């Protein structure tokens, strides 16, 4: 099997490796099993489809598999993880013609499929082993099973989660989405290596903070299972859930994002940040990142087309004006 090398994708993998190690440390060795099943299934699916298109398997596959595995809850059944990545690779990528032709991010396509299809396992709440066993040995001796979980909304933060816990990852959440520090450091690395566009990231973060701050200072109330509560303060909301992980690694996907103009990148990133806050706050989907990414992916071609047409019209007017 020949694999097409992609240095940018390899840099993203380098950035994600600390999060994989942290997943083992925080949640236990079951992450290795999930990662192995996801990678093997994803590789088999892309190889099978690539043969039909006379294409090579690309290194982007391993980025997709790693992102998907890190986005899963610790108690996810292995067969669901396999079904999810198979759907993401086949229907989120290869059915469009392979790398460079897909409309939606394959990893988030896979996550959306299992999130909708298998709601209970995907919303299982498990406080990671580091919280229970303290800083060391944390989860190094643990093997999480479904019996260790409680069905609940995908956890964002609670008042019991200190900012220190949110920064270092000692809280509930998916495998790779709890440690804000590791997410940011890895994100800065891929920006430095030009594997991700910083304008999309900054626009995402800025729009998220602005809208979350407006809702917070105006005292907007949201309905929860226990009654009405005020929206979270912007810092806690930023560090909670999967927003940071998505802002650095998923929304910046070079294929499914807006890439034609700098203006398009700013609009695209801002759209993702705004949509995440709106979905989190006003919908029944407490973690709005998955659907915010898919919606932003959907609008990316339109954003690029409108901006290209506007630029072409301005250029044409300038030429006609010069001739006059």
C-alpha atoms as a PDB file:
ATOM      1  CA  UNK A   1       0.000   0.000   0.000  1.00  0.00           C
ATOM      2  CA  UNK A   2       1.473   3.328  -1.094  1.00  0.00           C
ATOM      3  CA  UNK A   3       0.773   6.339   1.092  1.00  0.00           C
ATOM      4  CA  UNK A   4       1.025   9.857  -0.305  1.00  0.00           C
ATOM      5  CA  UNK A   5       3.183  12.008   1.936  1.00  0.00           C
ATOM      6  CA  UNK A   6       1.843  15.380   3.095  1.00  0.00           C
ATOM      7  CA  UNK A   7       4.197  17.377   5.302  1.00  0.00           C
ATOM      8  CA  UNK A   8       1.461  19.725   6.526  1.00  0.00           C
ATOM      9  CA  UNK A   9      -0.632  16.779   7.688  1.00  0.00           C
ATOM     10  CA  UNK A  10       2.415  15.250   9.380  1.00  0.00           C
ATOM     11  CA  UNK A  11       2.942  18.483  11.318  1.00  0.00           C
ATOM     12  CA  UNK A  12      -0.651  18.300  12.554  1.00  0.00           C
ATOM     13  CA  UNK A  13       0.010  14.735  13.724  1.00  0.00           C
ATOM     14  CA  UNK A  14       3.080  15.915  15.627  1.00  0.00           C
ATOM     15  CA  UNK A  15       0.924  18.544  17.347  1.00  0.00           C
ATOM     16  CA  UNK A  16      -1.717  15.956  18.276  1.00  0.00           C
ATOM     17  CA  UNK A  17       0.681  13.413  19.791  1.00  0.00           C
ATOM     18  CA  UNK A  18       0.904  15.179  23.200  1.00  0.00           C
ATOM     19  CA  UNK A  19      -2.902  15.099  23.374  1.00  0.00           C
ATOM     20  CA  UNK A  20      -2.846  11.355  22.651  1.00  0.00           C
ATOM     21  CA  UNK A  21      -0.338  10.796  25.470  1.00  0.00           C
ATOM     22  CA  UNK A  22      -2.415  12.993  27.766  1.00  0.00           C
ATOM     23  CA  UNK A  23      -5.509  10.923  26.904  1.00  0.00           C
ATOM     24  CA  UNK A  24      -3.718   7.819  28.170  1.00  0.00           C
ATOM     25  CA  UNK A  25      -2.476   9.612  31.290  1.00  0.00           C
ATOM     26  CA  UNK A  26      -5.846  11.167  32.140  1.00  0.00           C
ATOM     27  CA  UNK A  27      -8.310   8.496  31.054  1.00  0.00           C
ATOM     28  CA  UNK A  28      -6.372   5.248  30.939  1.00  0.00           C
ATOM     29  CA  UNK A  29      -5.195   2.724  28.381  1.00  0.00           C
ATOM     30  CA  UNK A  30      -8.553   2.230  26.709  1.00  0.00           C
ATOM     31  CA  UNK A  31      -7.675   5.171  24.471  1.00  0.00           C
ATOM     32  CA  UNK A  32      -5.021   2.986  22.813  1.00  0.00           C
ATOM     33  CA  UNK A  33      -7.687   0.435  21.893  1.00  0.00           C
ATOM     34  CA  UNK A  34     -10.034   3.123  20.550  1.00  0.00           C
ATOM     35  CA  UNK A  35      -7.228   4.736  18.559  1.00  0.00           C
ATOM     36  CA  UNK A  36      -6.112   1.402  17.102  1.00  0.00           C
ATOM     37  CA  UNK A  37      -9.643   0.430  16.043  1.00  0.00           C
ATOM     38  CA  UNK A  38     -10.312   3.854  14.509  1.00  0.00           C
ATOM     39  CA  UNK A  39      -6.984   3.942  12.626  1.00  0.00           C
ATOM     40  CA  UNK A  40      -7.276   0.389  11.291  1.00  0.00           C
ATOM     41  CA  UNK A  41     -10.885   0.874  10.167  1.00  0.00           C
ATOM     42  CA  UNK A  42     -10.161   4.255   8.614  1.00  0.00           C
ATOM     43  CA  UNK A  43      -7.125   2.943   6.737  1.00  0.00           C
ATOM     44  CA  UNK A  44      -9.072  -0.043   5.387  1.00  0.00           C
ATOM     45  CA  UNK A  45     -11.975   2.150   4.219  1.00  0.00           C
ATOM     46  CA  UNK A  46      -9.769   4.726   2.479  1.00  0.00           C
ATOM     47  CA  UNK A  47      -7.634   2.032   0.833  1.00  0.00           C
ATOM     48  CA  UNK A  48     -10.735   0.247  -0.444  1.00  0.00           C
ATOM     49  CA  UNK A  49     -12.260   3.446  -1.862  1.00  0.00           C
ATOM     50  CA  UNK A  50      -8.950   4.790  -3.200  1.00  0.00           C
ATOM     51  CA  UNK A  51      -8.540   1.647  -5.329  1.00  0.00           C
ATOM     52  CA  UNK A  52     -11.823   2.495  -7.058  1.00  0.00           C
ATOM     53  CA  UNK A  53     -10.588   5.998  -7.870  1.00  0.00           C
ATOM     54  CA  UNK A  54      -7.040   4.861  -8.708  1.00  0.00           C
ATOM     55  CA  UNK A  55      -5.727   7.109  -5.924  1.00  0.00           C
ATOM     56  CA  UNK A  56      -3.214   6.739  -3.110  1.00  0.00           C
ATOM     57  CA  UNK A  57      -4.027   6.771   0.575  1.00  0.00           C
ATOM     58  CA  UNK A  58      -2.938  10.159   1.917  1.00  0.00           C
ATOM     59  CA  UNK A  59      -1.423  11.081   5.264  1.00  0.00           C
ATOM     60  CA  UNK A  60      -4.474  13.243   5.886  1.00  0.00           C
ATOM     61  CA  UNK A  61      -6.249   9.983   6.743  1.00  0.00           C
ATOM     62  CA  UNK A  62      -4.204   9.627   9.929  1.00  0.00           C
ATOM     63  CA  UNK A  63      -5.038  13.196  10.943  1.00  0.00           C
ATOM     64  CA  UNK A  64      -8.732  12.434  10.465  1.00  0.00           C
ATOM     65  CA  UNK A  65      -8.487   9.238  12.520  1.00  0.00           C
ATOM     66  CA  UNK A  66      -6.549  10.957  15.313  1.00  0.00           C
ATOM     67  CA  UNK A  67      -8.951  13.894  15.509  1.00  0.00           C
ATOM     68  CA  UNK A  68     -11.947  11.578  15.564  1.00  0.00           C
ATOM     69  CA  UNK A  69     -10.470   9.312  18.254  1.00  0.00           C
ATOM     70  CA  UNK A  70      -9.593  12.308  20.443  1.00  0.00           C
ATOM     71  CA  UNK A  71     -13.121  13.699  20.062  1.00  0.00           C
ATOM     72  CA  UNK A  72     -14.768  10.553  21.461  1.00  0.00           C
ATOM     73  CA  UNK A  73     -15.892  10.049  25.082  1.00  0.00           C
ATOM     74  CA  UNK A  74     -13.790   7.581  27.113  1.00  0.00           C
ATOM     75  CA  UNK A  75     -16.560   4.994  27.404  1.00  0.00           C
ATOM     76  CA  UNK A  76     -17.410   4.792  23.703  1.00  0.00           C
ATOM     77  CA  UNK A  77     -17.969   1.181  22.551  1.00  0.00           C
ATOM     78  CA  UNK A  78     -15.260   0.137  20.098  1.00  0.00           C
ATOM     79  CA  UNK A  79     -17.759  -0.928  17.437  1.00  0.00           C
ATOM     80  CA  UNK A  80     -19.374   2.518  17.446  1.00  0.00           C
ATOM     81  CA  UNK A  81     -15.951   4.121  16.999  1.00  0.00           C
ATOM     82  CA  UNK A  82     -15.349   1.838  13.996  1.00  0.00           C
ATOM     83  CA  UNK A  83     -18.747   2.587  12.438  1.00  0.00           C
ATOM     84  CA  UNK A  84     -18.213   6.319  12.921  1.00  0.00           C
ATOM     85  CA  UNK A  85     -14.833   6.538  11.202  1.00  0.00           C
ATOM     86  CA  UNK A  86     -16.051   4.300   8.373  1.00  0.00           C
ATOM     87  CA  UNK A  87     -18.923   6.695   7.731  1.00  0.00           C
ATOM     88  CA  UNK A  88     -16.647   9.740   7.961  1.00  0.00           C
ATOM     89  CA  UNK A  89     -14.054   8.386   5.511  1.00  0.00           C
ATOM     90  CA  UNK A  90     -16.490   6.927   2.987  1.00  0.00           C
ATOM     91  CA  UNK A  91     -19.349   9.451   3.037  1.00  0.00           C
ATOM     92  CA  UNK A  92     -17.496  12.490   4.337  1.00  0.00           C
ATOM     93  CA  UNK A  93     -14.459  12.230   2.071  1.00  0.00           C
ATOM     94  CA  UNK A  94     -14.050   9.461  -0.486  1.00  0.00           C
ATOM     95  CA  UNK A  95     -17.528   9.638  -1.982  1.00  0.00           C
ATOM     96  CA  UNK A  96     -16.668  13.198  -3.095  1.00  0.00           C
ATOM     97  CA  UNK A  97     -13.520  11.991  -4.858  1.00  0.00           C
ATOM     98  CA  UNK A  98     -10.919  11.851  -2.109  1.00  0.00           C
ATOM     99  CA  UNK A  99      -8.625  14.390  -0.478  1.00  0.00           C
ATOM    100  CA  UNK A 100      -9.115  17.941  -1.696  1.00  0.00           C
ATOM    101  CA  UNK A 101     -12.661  17.411  -2.966  1.00  0.00           C
ATOM    102  CA  UNK A 102     -14.657  16.856   0.223  1.00  0.00           C
ATOM    103  CA  UNK A 103     -17.045  19.571   1.358  1.00  0.00           C
ATOM    104  CA  UNK A 104     -17.177  18.651   5.035  1.00  0.00           C
ATOM    105  CA  UNK A 105     -14.428  17.847   7.514  1.00  0.00           C
ATOM    106  CA  UNK A 106     -14.362  13.996   7.584  1.00  0.00           C
ATOM    107  CA  UNK A 107     -13.548  13.773  11.301  1.00  0.00           C
ATOM    108  CA  UNK A 108     -16.456  15.983  12.330  1.00  0.00           C
ATOM    109  CA  UNK A 109     -18.704  14.191   9.827  1.00  0.00           C
ATOM    110  CA  UNK A 110     -17.889  10.936  11.603  1.00  0.00           C
ATOM    111  CA  UNK A 111     -18.529  12.492  15.005  1.00  0.00           C
ATOM    112  CA  UNK A 112     -21.844  14.015  13.932  1.00  0.00           C
ATOM    113  CA  UNK A 113     -23.002  10.636  12.605  1.00  0.00           C
ATOM    114  CA  UNK A 114     -22.329   8.748  15.837  1.00  0.00           C
ATOM    115  CA  UNK A 115     -23.563  11.666  17.954  1.00  0.00           C
ATOM    116  CA  UNK A 116     -26.944  11.588  16.236  1.00  0.00           C
ATOM    117  CA  UNK A 117     -27.161   7.813  15.818  1.00  0.00           C
ATOM    118  CA  UNK A 118     -25.849   6.726  19.233  1.00  0.00           C
ATOM    119  CA  UNK A 119     -26.829   9.512  21.594  1.00  0.00           C
ATOM    120  CA  UNK A 120     -26.526   7.697  24.931  1.00  0.00           C
ATOM    121  CA  UNK A 121     -22.956   6.344  24.519  1.00  0.00           C
ATOM    122  CA  UNK A 122     -21.824   9.658  23.031  1.00  0.00           C
ATOM    123  CA  UNK A 123     -23.159  11.702  25.945  1.00  0.00           C
ATOM    124  CA  UNK A 124     -21.812   9.484  28.723  1.00  0.00           C
ATOM    125  CA  UNK A 125     -20.253  11.554  31.478  1.00  0.00           C
ATOM    126  CA  UNK A 126     -17.060  10.195  33.018  1.00  0.00           C
ATOM    127  CA  UNK A 127     -14.839  12.199  35.336  1.00  0.00           C
ATOM    128  CA  UNK A 128     -11.369  11.197  34.250  1.00  0.00           C
ATOM    129  CA  UNK A 129      -9.095   9.054  36.319  1.00  0.00           C
ATOM    130  CA  UNK A 130      -6.761  11.906  37.163  1.00  0.00           C
ATOM    131  CA  UNK A 131      -9.595  13.561  39.090  1.00  0.00           C
ATOM    132  CA  UNK A 132     -10.128  10.410  41.120  1.00  0.00           C
ATOM    133  CA  UNK A 133      -6.540   9.238  41.625  1.00  0.00           C
ATOM    134  CA  UNK A 134      -4.971  12.705  41.776  1.00  0.00           C
ATOM    135  CA  UNK A 135      -2.064  13.880  39.654  1.00  0.00           C
ATOM    136  CA  UNK A 136      -0.156  10.609  39.691  1.00  0.00           C
ATOM    137  CA  UNK A 137      -0.568   7.876  38.619  1.00  0.00           C
ATOM    138  CA  UNK A 138      -3.801   9.413  37.305  1.00  0.00           C
ATOM    139  CA  UNK A 139      -5.281   7.069  34.703  1.00  0.00           C
ATOM    140  CA  UNK A 140      -2.153   5.082  33.914  1.00  0.00           C
ATOM    141  CA  UNK A 141      -3.548   2.018  35.642  1.00  0.00           C
ATOM    142  CA  UNK A 142      -7.149   2.430  34.516  1.00  0.00           C
ATOM    143  CA  UNK A 143      -9.296   0.732  31.881  1.00  0.00           C
ATOM    144  CA  UNK A 144     -12.612   2.565  31.568  1.00  0.00           C
ATOM    145  CA  UNK A 145     -15.721   0.548  30.752  1.00  0.00           C
ATOM    146  CA  UNK A 146     -19.290   1.549  29.965  1.00  0.00           C
ATOM    147  CA  UNK A 147     -20.191   0.640  33.542  1.00  0.00           C
ATOM    148  CA  UNK A 148     -18.072   3.581  34.700  1.00  0.00           C
ATOM    149  CA  UNK A 149     -20.237   6.129  32.886  1.00  0.00           C
ATOM    150  CA  UNK A 150     -23.405   8.033  33.631  1.00  0.00           C
ATOM    151  CA  UNK A 151     -25.721   9.182  30.853  1.00  0.00           C
ATOM    152  CA  UNK A 152     -25.694  12.966  30.871  1.00  0.00           C
ATOM    153  CA  UNK A 153     -25.318  15.956  28.632  1.00  0.00           C
ATOM    154  CA  UNK A 154     -21.880  16.259  27.056  1.00  0.00           C
ATOM    155  CA  UNK A 155     -20.016  17.985  29.869  1.00  0.00           C
ATOM    156  CA  UNK A 156     -18.917  21.546  29.548  1.00  0.00           C
ATOM    157  CA  UNK A 157     -17.722  23.017  32.820  1.00  0.00           C
ATOM    158  CA  UNK A 158     -19.321  23.053  36.238  1.00  0.00           C
ATOM    159  CA  UNK A 159     -18.714  25.322  39.162  1.00  0.00           C
ATOM    160  CA  UNK A 160     -16.630  22.490  40.660  1.00  0.00           C
ATOM    161  CA  UNK A 161     -14.233  22.693  37.726  1.00  0.00           C
ATOM    162  CA  UNK A 162     -11.553  25.199  38.656  1.00  0.00           C
ATOM    163  CA  UNK A 163      -9.710  27.048  35.917  1.00  0.00           C
ATOM    164  CA  UNK A 164      -6.608  25.034  36.843  1.00  0.00           C
ATOM    165  CA  UNK A 165      -8.481  21.781  36.162  1.00  0.00           C
ATOM    166  CA  UNK A 166      -9.744  23.119  32.846  1.00  0.00           C
ATOM    167  CA  UNK A 167      -6.262  24.227  31.831  1.00  0.00           C
ATOM    168  CA  UNK A 168      -4.555  20.939  32.672  1.00  0.00           C
ATOM    169  CA  UNK A 169      -7.388  18.562  31.761  1.00  0.00           C
ATOM    170  CA  UNK A 170      -8.513  17.259  35.156  1.00  0.00           C
ATOM    171  CA  UNK A 171     -12.191  17.335  34.311  1.00  0.00           C
ATOM    172  CA  UNK A 172     -14.801  15.347  32.414  1.00  0.00           C
ATOM    173  CA  UNK A 173     -14.899  15.374  28.651  1.00  0.00           C
ATOM    174  CA  UNK A 174     -13.727  13.599  25.530  1.00  0.00           C
ATOM    175  CA  UNK A 175     -10.304  11.977  25.253  1.00  0.00           C
ATOM    176  CA  UNK A 176      -8.376  14.899  23.801  1.00  0.00           C
ATOM    177  CA  UNK A 177     -10.505  17.936  24.565  1.00  0.00           C
ATOM    178  CA  UNK A 178      -9.961  18.599  28.276  1.00  0.00           C
ATOM    179  CA  UNK A 179      -6.426  20.044  28.480  1.00  0.00           C
ATOM    180  CA  UNK A 180      -6.564  23.625  27.224  1.00  0.00           C
ATOM    181  CA  UNK A 181      -2.810  24.113  27.618  1.00  0.00           C
ATOM    182  CA  UNK A 182      -1.863  21.174  25.386  1.00  0.00           C
ATOM    183  CA  UNK A 183      -4.475  22.163  22.812  1.00  0.00           C
ATOM    184  CA  UNK A 184      -3.135  25.715  22.625  1.00  0.00           C
ATOM    185  CA  UNK A 185       0.533  24.669  22.488  1.00  0.00           C
ATOM    186  CA  UNK A 186      -0.152  22.187  19.705  1.00  0.00           C
ATOM    187  CA  UNK A 187      -2.260  24.771  17.914  1.00  0.00           C
ATOM    188  CA  UNK A 188       0.534  27.336  18.039  1.00  0.00           C
ATOM    189  CA  UNK A 189       2.889  24.727  16.598  1.00  0.00           C
ATOM    190  CA  UNK A 190       0.732  24.068  13.521  1.00  0.00           C
ATOM    191  CA  UNK A 191       0.275  27.810  13.011  1.00  0.00           C
ATOM    192  CA  UNK A 192       4.063  28.221  13.139  1.00  0.00           C
ATOM    193  CA  UNK A 193       4.454  25.397  10.628  1.00  0.00           C
ATOM    194  CA  UNK A 194       1.744  26.979   8.440  1.00  0.00           C
ATOM    195  CA  UNK A 195      -0.388  23.852   8.668  1.00  0.00           C
ATOM    196  CA  UNK A 196      -3.268  26.017   9.953  1.00  0.00           C
ATOM    197  CA  UNK A 197      -4.234  29.590   9.114  1.00  0.00           C
ATOM    198  CA  UNK A 198      -4.041  31.901  12.122  1.00  0.00           C
ATOM    199  CA  UNK A 199      -6.723  34.238  10.775  1.00  0.00           C
ATOM    200  CA  UNK A 200      -9.386  31.531  11.005  1.00  0.00           C
ATOM    201  CA  UNK A 201      -8.336  30.701  14.569  1.00  0.00           C
ATOM    202  CA  UNK A 202      -8.272  34.314  15.762  1.00  0.00           C
ATOM    203  CA  UNK A 203     -11.623  35.065  14.131  1.00  0.00           C
ATOM    204  CA  UNK A 204     -13.151  31.973  15.773  1.00  0.00           C
ATOM    205  CA  UNK A 205     -11.836  32.853  19.233  1.00  0.00           C
ATOM    206  CA  UNK A 206     -12.728  36.545  18.969  1.00  0.00           C
ATOM    207  CA  UNK A 207     -16.302  36.008  17.769  1.00  0.00           C
ATOM    208  CA  UNK A 208     -16.884  33.353  20.434  1.00  0.00           C
ATOM    209  CA  UNK A 209     -15.635  35.585  23.245  1.00  0.00           C
ATOM    210  CA  UNK A 210     -17.517  38.658  22.015  1.00  0.00           C
ATOM    211  CA  UNK A 211     -20.907  36.960  21.743  1.00  0.00           C
ATOM    212  CA  UNK A 212     -20.454  34.927  24.938  1.00  0.00           C
ATOM    213  CA  UNK A 213     -19.497  38.109  26.801  1.00  0.00           C
ATOM    214  CA  UNK A 214     -22.562  39.963  25.512  1.00  0.00           C
ATOM    215  CA  UNK A 215     -24.860  37.151  26.624  1.00  0.00           C
ATOM    216  CA  UNK A 216     -23.122  36.935  30.002  1.00  0.00           C
ATOM    217  CA  UNK A 217     -23.142  40.638  30.894  1.00  0.00           C
ATOM    218  CA  UNK A 218     -26.770  41.043  29.806  1.00  0.00           C
ATOM    219  CA  UNK A 219     -27.788  38.210  32.139  1.00  0.00           C
ATOM    220  CA  UNK A 220     -29.307  35.916  29.534  1.00  0.00           C
ATOM    221  CA  UNK A 221     -30.953  32.897  31.140  1.00  0.00           C
ATOM    222  CA  UNK A 222     -30.968  29.426  29.584  1.00  0.00           C
ATOM    223  CA  UNK A 223     -33.187  26.514  30.487  1.00  0.00           C
ATOM    224  CA  UNK A 224     -31.457  23.416  31.863  1.00  0.00           C
ATOM    225  CA  UNK A 225     -32.627  20.170  33.425  1.00  0.00           C
ATOM    226  CA  UNK A 226     -32.481  21.827  36.844  1.00  0.00           C
ATOM    227  CA  UNK A 227     -34.201  25.070  35.825  1.00  0.00           C
ATOM    228  CA  UNK A 228     -33.042  28.399  34.419  1.00  0.00           C
ATOM    229  CA  UNK A 229     -29.381  29.384  34.773  1.00  0.00           C
ATOM    230  CA  UNK A 230     -27.224  32.272  33.599  1.00  0.00           C
ATOM    231  CA  UNK A 231     -24.857  31.628  30.723  1.00  0.00           C
ATOM    232  CA  UNK A 232     -21.268  30.859  31.655  1.00  0.00           C
ATOM    233  CA  UNK A 233     -18.652  33.563  31.889  1.00  0.00           C
ATOM    234  CA  UNK A 234     -16.606  33.814  28.657  1.00  0.00           C
ATOM    235  CA  UNK A 235     -13.327  32.430  30.058  1.00  0.00           C
ATOM    236  CA  UNK A 236     -14.893  29.310  31.541  1.00  0.00           C
ATOM    237  CA  UNK A 237     -16.974  28.794  28.398  1.00  0.00           C
ATOM    238  CA  UNK A 238     -13.876  29.139  26.219  1.00  0.00           C
ATOM    239  CA  UNK A 239     -11.917  26.541  28.197  1.00  0.00           C
ATOM    240  CA  UNK A 240     -14.827  24.096  28.484  1.00  0.00           C
ATOM    241  CA  UNK A 241     -16.009  21.489  26.032  1.00  0.00           C
ATOM    242  CA  UNK A 242     -14.433  21.034  22.622  1.00  0.00           C
ATOM    243  CA  UNK A 243     -14.385  24.585  21.277  1.00  0.00           C
ATOM    244  CA  UNK A 244     -10.637  25.181  21.614  1.00  0.00           C
ATOM    245  CA  UNK A 245      -9.858  21.778  20.109  1.00  0.00           C
ATOM    246  CA  UNK A 246     -12.111  22.508  17.138  1.00  0.00           C
ATOM    247  CA  UNK A 247     -10.872  26.085  16.676  1.00  0.00           C
ATOM    248  CA  UNK A 248      -7.253  24.979  16.274  1.00  0.00           C
ATOM    249  CA  UNK A 249      -7.532  21.586  14.577  1.00  0.00           C
ATOM    250  CA  UNK A 250     -10.902  21.109  12.875  1.00  0.00           C
ATOM    251  CA  UNK A 251     -12.214  24.402  11.573  1.00  0.00           C
ATOM    252  CA  UNK A 252      -8.772  25.068  10.039  1.00  0.00           C
ATOM    253  CA  UNK A 253      -8.916  21.995   7.794  1.00  0.00           C
ATOM    254  CA  UNK A 254      -7.381  23.291   4.521  1.00  0.00           C
ATOM    255  CA  UNK A 255      -9.922  21.497   2.315  1.00  0.00           C
ATOM    256  CA  UNK A 256     -13.289  22.201   3.946  1.00  0.00           C
ATOM    257  CA  UNK A 257     -12.549  25.750   5.152  1.00  0.00           C
ATOM    258  CA  UNK A 258     -12.606  29.072   3.321  1.00  0.00           C
ATOM    259  CA  UNK A 259      -9.141  29.492   1.822  1.00  0.00           C
ATOM    260  CA  UNK A 260      -9.429  31.762  -1.230  1.00  0.00           C
ATOM    261  CA  UNK A 261      -9.120  35.170   0.446  1.00  0.00           C
ATOM    262  CA  UNK A 262      -8.103  36.591   3.811  1.00  0.00           C
ATOM    263  CA  UNK A 263     -11.494  38.277   4.131  1.00  0.00           C
ATOM    264  CA  UNK A 264     -13.136  34.903   3.580  1.00  0.00           C
ATOM    265  CA  UNK A 265     -11.013  33.351   6.331  1.00  0.00           C
ATOM    266  CA  UNK A 266     -12.056  36.052   8.806  1.00  0.00           C
ATOM    267  CA  UNK A 267     -15.736  35.635   7.924  1.00  0.00           C
ATOM    268  CA  UNK A 268     -15.518  31.844   8.031  1.00  0.00           C
ATOM    269  CA  UNK A 269     -13.828  31.768  11.439  1.00  0.00           C
ATOM    270  CA  UNK A 270     -16.211  34.346  12.891  1.00  0.00           C
ATOM    271  CA  UNK A 271     -19.189  32.354  11.622  1.00  0.00           C
ATOM    272  CA  UNK A 272     -17.961  29.257  13.441  1.00  0.00           C
ATOM    273  CA  UNK A 273     -17.473  31.114  16.727  1.00  0.00           C
ATOM    274  CA  UNK A 274     -20.888  32.781  16.613  1.00  0.00           C
ATOM    275  CA  UNK A 275     -22.683  29.571  15.668  1.00  0.00           C
ATOM    276  CA  UNK A 276     -21.033  27.638  18.502  1.00  0.00           C
ATOM    277  CA  UNK A 277     -22.259  30.115  21.115  1.00  0.00           C
ATOM    278  CA  UNK A 278     -25.770  30.276  19.654  1.00  0.00           C
ATOM    279  CA  UNK A 279     -26.165  26.497  19.446  1.00  0.00           C
ATOM    280  CA  UNK A 280     -24.716  25.954  22.922  1.00  0.00           C
ATOM    281  CA  UNK A 281     -26.984  28.585  24.439  1.00  0.00           C
ATOM    282  CA  UNK A 282     -30.321  28.285  22.687  1.00  0.00           C
ATOM    283  CA  UNK A 283     -30.583  24.711  21.394  1.00  0.00           C
ATOM    284  CA  UNK A 284     -30.956  21.328  23.037  1.00  0.00           C
ATOM    285  CA  UNK A 285     -27.462  20.413  21.806  1.00  0.00           C
ATOM    286  CA  UNK A 286     -25.375  21.635  24.728  1.00  0.00           C
ATOM    287  CA  UNK A 287     -22.090  21.146  22.855  1.00  0.00           C
ATOM    288  CA  UNK A 288     -22.642  23.082  19.634  1.00  0.00           C
ATOM    289  CA  UNK A 289     -19.200  22.662  18.069  1.00  0.00           C
ATOM    290  CA  UNK A 290     -20.067  19.674  15.866  1.00  0.00           C
ATOM    291  CA  UNK A 291     -22.981  21.343  14.109  1.00  0.00           C
ATOM    292  CA  UNK A 292     -21.271  24.746  14.013  1.00  0.00           C
ATOM    293  CA  UNK A 293     -18.381  23.226  12.044  1.00  0.00           C
ATOM    294  CA  UNK A 294     -20.687  21.474   9.585  1.00  0.00           C
ATOM    295  CA  UNK A 295     -22.664  24.670   8.998  1.00  0.00           C
ATOM    296  CA  UNK A 296     -19.476  26.697   8.528  1.00  0.00           C
ATOM    297  CA  UNK A 297     -18.157  24.040   6.096  1.00  0.00           C
ATOM    298  CA  UNK A 298     -21.406  24.278   4.168  1.00  0.00           C
ATOM    299  CA  UNK A 299     -21.118  28.055   3.768  1.00  0.00           C
ATOM    300  CA  UNK A 300     -17.368  28.103   2.955  1.00  0.00           C
ATOM    301  CA  UNK A 301     -17.793  27.609  -0.832  1.00  0.00           C
ATOM    302  CA  UNK A 302     -20.470  30.314  -0.924  1.00  0.00           C
ATOM    303  CA  UNK A 303     -18.257  32.749   0.980  1.00  0.00           C
ATOM    304  CA  UNK A 304     -15.368  32.104  -1.412  1.00  0.00           C
ATOM    305  CA  UNK A 305     -17.577  32.426  -4.491  1.00  0.00           C
ATOM    306  CA  UNK A 306     -19.188  35.689  -3.392  1.00  0.00           C
ATOM    307  CA  UNK A 307     -15.846  37.263  -2.501  1.00  0.00           C
ATOM    308  CA  UNK A 308     -14.242  36.119  -5.757  1.00  0.00           C
ATOM    309  CA  UNK A 309     -17.128  37.536  -7.794  1.00  0.00           C
ATOM    310  CA  UNK A 310     -17.011  40.820  -5.891  1.00  0.00           C
ATOM    311  CA  UNK A 311     -13.266  41.088  -6.492  1.00  0.00           C
ATOM    312  CA  UNK A 312     -13.695  40.318 -10.195  1.00  0.00           C
ATOM    313  CA  UNK A 313     -16.397  42.984 -10.531  1.00  0.00           C
ATOM    314  CA  UNK A 314     -14.213  45.593  -8.814  1.00  0.00           C
ATOM    315  CA  UNK A 315     -11.331  44.704 -11.097  1.00  0.00           C
ATOM    316  CA  UNK A 316     -13.561  44.924 -14.165  1.00  0.00           C
ATOM    317  CA  UNK A 317     -14.893  48.321 -13.088  1.00  0.00           C
ATOM    318  CA  UNK A 318     -11.363  49.559 -12.516  1.00  0.00           C
ATOM    319  CA  UNK A 319     -10.330  48.450 -16.016  1.00  0.00           C
ATOM    320  CA  UNK A 320     -13.388  50.054 -17.612  1.00  0.00           C
ATOM    321  CA  UNK A 321     -12.838  53.210 -15.598  1.00  0.00           C
ATOM    322  CA  UNK A 322      -9.217  53.375 -16.746  1.00  0.00           C
ATOM    323  CA  UNK A 323     -10.227  53.057 -20.367  1.00  0.00           C
ATOM    324  CA  UNK A 324     -12.778  55.824 -19.968  1.00  0.00           C
END
